[in-house]
Amino acid sequence: MINPMELTGKRILVTGASSGIGQNTGILLSKLGAELVLVARNNERLQETLSMLNGEAHASVSFDLSNIDDIKDMMDYICMDKKLDGVVYSAGIAPIVPVPSINYNKMLEIMTVNYFAFMEIVKLFSKRKYSNGGSIVAVSSVSSYAGWRGASLYCGSKAAIDGSIRALAIELSNKGIRVNSVVPSNIKTKMLSDVTQYAGEEELDVITARQPLGLGNPDDVANAIAFLLSDAARFITGSSLVVDGGYLAQ
């Protein structure tokens, strides 16, 4: 039987792999045969994810992506003996910052993790030292298209991702690199729980009602990421694949 999403022989870097979408994506990719390098800040949770993977030869690196100047050293370490075939950028933060509380430090904090670190990894991945081509998938958000109270900085960071992938797809096509994003809506993750604590359970009911298919699971997004990484998506680049249960259809 042919599996068009087979990833055997592919070495893939997954950031934000200690929980939520990143964790579920890592587990799914391992089941599809990929060799994974997991990256996250929390080493204890990272090791938990590592223990849940199928197969062997996987690795993990505890690293804080807000340290932009050290990302090259991280990539040098990861690619010391073997290059990468793909990247999943699932790291992200979503603090609630009402307009009166906005300041430069908050802007820098959110953009550094959600956008600047992604661009730095893309830049490095595009060099022959780190890859011979492959697929890059960034986890964006419906917040790139639809706003919500207290999220102007978060929404802006995700819009930056979706705006950049189109230019990156064109610029990197001659290197055999595809660049896409997935655009999830409200998914049952810790990030959603944190937002709910701020906004209240009533707000969660409103959010759920706006999604005709209800709240999504991390696996729903992981499946879309696996597709974009695989050769089944070899003719797709510069696209944002919406995985939102109908949120943006209204």
Protein backbone atom coordinates (compact mmCIF):
# COMPACT_ATOMS: atom_id res chain seq x y z
CA MET A 1 0.00 0.00 0.00
CA ILE A 2 1.31 3.46 -0.92
CA ASN A 3 1.50 6.08 1.82
CA PRO A 4 1.87 9.49 0.12
CA MET A 5 2.85 11.06 3.45
CA GLU A 6 5.72 8.65 4.11
CA LEU A 7 8.69 10.47 5.68
CA THR A 8 11.21 7.67 6.07
CA GLY A 9 14.75 8.96 5.61
CA LYS A 10 13.75 12.57 6.32
CA ARG A 11 15.45 14.40 9.21
CA ILE A 12 13.16 17.11 10.55
CA LEU A 13 13.64 19.83 13.16
CA VAL A 14 10.55 20.54 15.29
CA THR A 15 10.56 23.60 17.56
CA GLY A 16 8.08 24.04 20.38
CA ALA A 17 8.13 20.26 20.72
CA SER A 18 7.54 20.02 24.47
CA SER A 19 3.76 20.46 24.33
CA GLY A 20 0.67 21.10 22.23
CA ILE A 21 0.88 21.16 18.45
CA GLY A 22 4.66 20.76 18.41
CA GLN A 23 4.57 17.67 20.60
CA ASN A 24 1.78 15.99 18.65
CA THR A 25 3.48 16.84 15.39
CA GLY A 26 6.71 15.21 16.54
CA ILE A 27 4.89 12.04 17.56
CA LEU A 28 3.03 11.83 14.23
CA LEU A 29 6.14 12.49 12.14
CA SER A 30 7.97 9.70 13.97
CA LYS A 31 5.12 7.31 13.12
CA LEU A 32 5.56 8.31 9.47
CA GLY A 33 9.22 7.33 9.63
CA ALA A 34 10.95 10.69 10.14
CA GLU A 35 14.09 11.14 12.22
CA LEU A 36 13.43 14.07 14.53
CA VAL A 37 15.39 16.77 16.30
CA LEU A 38 13.15 18.27 18.99
CA VAL A 39 13.75 21.77 20.34
CA ALA A 40 12.09 23.50 23.30
CA ARG A 41 13.01 25.44 26.43
CA ASN A 42 11.71 22.99 29.03
CA ASN A 43 14.08 20.02 28.97
CA GLU A 44 11.96 17.87 31.28
CA ARG A 45 8.90 18.10 29.04
CA LEU A 46 11.13 17.77 25.99
CA GLN A 47 12.40 14.42 27.27
CA GLU A 48 8.79 13.32 27.78
CA THR A 49 8.08 14.02 24.12
CA LEU A 50 11.26 12.20 23.09
CA SER A 51 10.13 9.12 25.01
CA MET A 52 6.83 9.11 23.10
CA LEU A 53 8.39 8.92 19.62
CA ASN A 54 8.38 5.86 17.41
CA GLY A 55 11.75 4.56 16.26
CA GLU A 56 15.27 5.52 17.25
CA ALA A 57 17.99 8.00 16.24
CA HIS A 58 15.90 10.95 17.43
CA ALA A 59 17.53 13.79 19.34
CA SER A 60 16.52 16.74 21.49
CA VAL A 61 18.07 20.12 22.23
CA SER A 62 16.96 22.30 25.12
CA PHE A 63 17.16 25.84 23.76
CA ASP A 64 15.48 29.21 24.26
CA LEU A 65 14.68 30.62 20.82
CA SER A 66 14.62 34.16 22.20
CA ASN A 67 18.42 33.92 22.14
CA ILE A 68 18.62 34.85 18.47
CA ASP A 69 22.40 35.25 18.41
CA ASP A 70 22.85 31.65 19.56
CA ILE A 71 20.58 29.99 16.99
CA LYS A 72 23.48 29.49 14.59
CA ASP A 73 25.39 27.58 17.28
CA MET A 74 22.30 25.43 17.85
CA MET A 75 22.01 24.67 14.14
CA ASP A 76 25.74 23.92 13.90
CA TYR A 77 25.34 21.39 16.71
CA ILE A 78 22.24 19.80 15.18
CA CYS A 79 23.82 19.49 11.73
CA MET A 80 27.27 18.48 12.90
CA ASP A 81 27.00 15.02 11.34
CA LYS A 82 23.83 15.12 9.26
CA LYS A 83 21.81 17.76 7.44
CA LEU A 84 18.12 18.52 7.82
CA ASP A 85 15.34 17.80 5.32
CA GLY A 86 12.65 19.88 6.96
CA VAL A 87 11.67 22.33 9.69
CA VAL A 88 8.47 22.72 11.68
CA TYR A 89 8.39 26.06 13.48
CA SER A 90 5.79 25.52 16.21
CA ALA A 91 7.35 27.63 18.96
CA GLY A 92 5.31 30.62 20.02
CA ILE A 93 4.00 32.73 22.87
CA ALA A 94 0.64 34.48 23.18
CA PRO A 95 0.62 36.84 26.14
CA ILE A 96 -2.38 39.11 26.49
CA VAL A 97 -1.19 42.73 26.10
CA PRO A 98 -3.93 45.37 26.05
CA VAL A 99 -3.04 48.51 24.13
CA PRO A 100 -2.28 50.64 27.23
CA SER A 101 0.28 48.02 28.32
CA ILE A 102 2.16 47.88 25.01
CA ASN A 103 5.82 48.85 25.20
CA TYR A 104 8.96 48.12 23.23
CA ASN A 105 10.06 45.25 25.47
CA LYS A 106 6.72 43.46 25.03
CA MET A 107 6.85 43.98 21.28
CA LEU A 108 10.39 42.64 21.12
CA GLU A 109 9.58 39.64 23.34
CA ILE A 110 6.67 38.46 21.18
CA MET A 111 8.21 39.19 17.79
CA THR A 112 11.52 37.56 18.74
CA VAL A 113 10.01 34.16 19.57
CA ASN A 114 7.10 34.18 17.12
CA TYR A 115 8.83 35.69 14.08
CA PHE A 116 12.49 36.70 14.31
CA ALA A 117 13.69 33.25 15.41
CA PHE A 118 11.68 31.65 12.59
CA MET A 119 13.38 33.90 10.03
CA GLU A 120 16.80 33.13 11.47
CA ILE A 121 16.20 29.38 11.21
CA VAL A 122 14.93 29.77 7.64
CA LYS A 123 18.07 31.73 6.72
CA LEU A 124 20.32 29.02 8.11
CA PHE A 125 18.30 26.12 6.67
CA SER A 126 18.66 27.68 3.22
CA LYS A 127 22.46 27.21 3.36
CA ARG A 128 24.03 24.00 2.03
CA LYS A 129 25.77 23.50 5.35
CA TYR A 130 22.42 22.72 6.96
CA SER A 131 20.23 21.27 4.18
CA ASN A 132 20.10 20.22 0.55
CA GLY A 133 16.57 21.55 0.15
CA GLY A 134 13.36 20.39 1.75
CA SER A 135 10.20 21.73 3.34
CA ILE A 136 9.63 24.42 5.96
CA VAL A 137 6.28 24.65 7.75
CA ALA A 138 5.47 27.47 10.17
CA VAL A 139 2.57 27.31 12.61
CA SER A 140 0.64 30.53 12.16
CA SER A 141 -2.88 31.26 13.46
CA VAL A 142 -6.29 32.53 12.39
CA SER A 143 -5.17 35.53 14.44
CA SER A 144 -3.22 36.47 11.32
CA TYR A 145 -6.62 37.26 9.79
CA ALA A 146 -9.02 37.85 12.70
CA GLY A 147 -8.34 39.92 15.79
CA TRP A 148 -9.31 39.54 19.42
CA ARG A 149 -9.08 41.75 22.48
CA GLY A 150 -5.58 42.16 23.92
CA ALA A 151 -3.86 40.35 21.04
CA SER A 152 -2.64 43.07 18.70
CA LEU A 153 1.02 42.05 19.15
CA TYR A 154 0.32 38.32 18.81
CA CYS A 155 -1.86 38.90 15.74
CA GLY A 156 0.86 41.04 14.20
CA SER A 157 3.50 38.37 14.76
CA LYS A 158 1.40 35.73 13.03
CA ALA A 159 0.57 38.06 10.14
CA ALA A 160 4.31 38.58 9.72
CA ILE A 161 4.76 34.81 9.33
CA ASP A 162 2.07 34.51 6.67
CA GLY A 163 3.32 37.55 4.81
CA SER A 164 6.89 36.32 4.75
CA ILE A 165 6.29 32.75 3.58
CA ARG A 166 5.11 33.96 0.18
CA ALA A 167 8.31 35.91 -0.44
CA LEU A 168 10.43 33.12 1.03
CA ALA A 169 8.78 30.56 -1.23
CA ILE A 170 9.78 32.54 -4.29
CA GLU A 171 13.30 33.34 -3.12
CA LEU A 172 14.15 29.81 -1.98
CA SER A 173 12.50 27.83 -4.78
CA ASN A 174 15.77 27.65 -6.72
CA LYS A 175 17.31 25.87 -3.72
CA GLY A 176 14.62 23.22 -3.71
CA ILE A 177 13.03 24.58 -0.55
CA ARG A 178 9.28 24.84 -0.11
CA VAL A 179 7.89 27.23 2.54
CA ASN A 180 4.31 27.06 3.82
CA SER A 181 2.31 27.72 6.96
CA VAL A 182 -0.63 26.12 8.68
CA VAL A 183 -3.29 28.41 10.10
CA PRO A 184 -5.03 26.79 13.07
CA SER A 185 -7.98 28.24 14.93
CA ASN A 186 -8.67 27.44 18.56
CA ILE A 187 -7.06 24.12 19.44
CA LYS A 188 -7.19 22.27 22.77
CA THR A 189 -3.74 23.24 24.02
CA LYS A 190 -2.24 24.87 27.10
CA MET A 191 -2.10 28.16 25.19
CA LEU A 192 -5.89 28.12 24.80
CA SER A 193 -6.26 27.28 28.50
CA ASP A 194 -4.11 30.27 29.42
CA VAL A 195 -6.21 32.58 27.24
CA THR A 196 -9.39 31.18 28.75
CA GLN A 197 -8.15 31.92 32.26
CA TYR A 198 -7.70 35.54 31.23
CA ALA A 199 -10.94 35.92 29.27
CA GLY A 200 -13.19 33.57 31.26
CA GLU A 201 -15.23 30.44 30.46
CA GLU A 202 -17.96 32.49 28.80
CA GLU A 203 -15.43 33.69 26.24
CA LEU A 204 -14.44 30.07 25.57
CA ASP A 205 -18.08 29.26 24.85
CA VAL A 206 -18.18 32.14 22.37
CA ILE A 207 -14.97 30.91 20.73
CA THR A 208 -16.29 27.36 20.44
CA ALA A 209 -19.57 28.56 18.95
CA ARG A 210 -17.65 30.40 16.20
CA GLN A 211 -16.14 27.13 14.99
CA PRO A 212 -18.77 25.00 13.20
CA LEU A 213 -16.72 21.85 13.81
CA GLY A 214 -16.00 22.74 17.44
CA LEU A 215 -12.59 22.99 19.09
CA GLY A 216 -9.78 21.25 17.24
CA ASN A 217 -7.23 18.80 18.59
CA PRO A 218 -3.45 19.15 18.12
CA ASP A 219 -3.51 16.09 15.85
CA ASP A 220 -5.75 17.96 13.42
CA VAL A 221 -2.95 20.47 12.87
CA ALA A 222 -0.20 17.84 12.98
CA ASN A 223 -1.83 16.02 10.07
CA ALA A 224 -1.75 19.19 7.96
CA ILE A 225 1.90 19.81 8.87
CA ALA A 226 2.86 16.24 7.94
CA PHE A 227 1.15 16.66 4.57
CA LEU A 228 3.06 19.87 3.79
CA LEU A 229 6.35 18.23 4.77
CA SER A 230 5.75 15.19 2.60
CA ASP A 231 6.28 14.67 -1.10
CA ALA A 232 2.49 14.59 -1.46
CA ALA A 233 2.75 18.41 -1.24
CA ARG A 234 5.74 18.71 -3.60
CA PHE A 235 3.88 21.26 -5.78
CA ILE A 236 2.71 23.45 -2.88
CA THR A 237 4.74 26.42 -1.69
CA GLY A 238 3.98 29.92 -0.47
CA SER A 239 0.59 28.79 0.84
CA SER A 240 -1.18 29.12 4.17
CA LEU A 241 -3.25 26.00 4.84
CA VAL A 242 -6.21 26.93 7.04
CA VAL A 243 -7.08 24.30 9.68
CA ASP A 244 -9.82 26.06 11.59
CA GLY A 245 -13.01 24.02 11.78
CA GLY A 246 -14.77 26.68 9.71
CA TYR A 247 -13.77 29.66 11.87
CA LEU A 248 -12.82 31.93 8.96
CA ALA A 249 -15.68 30.79 6.73
CA GLN A 250 -18.11 33.03 8.61
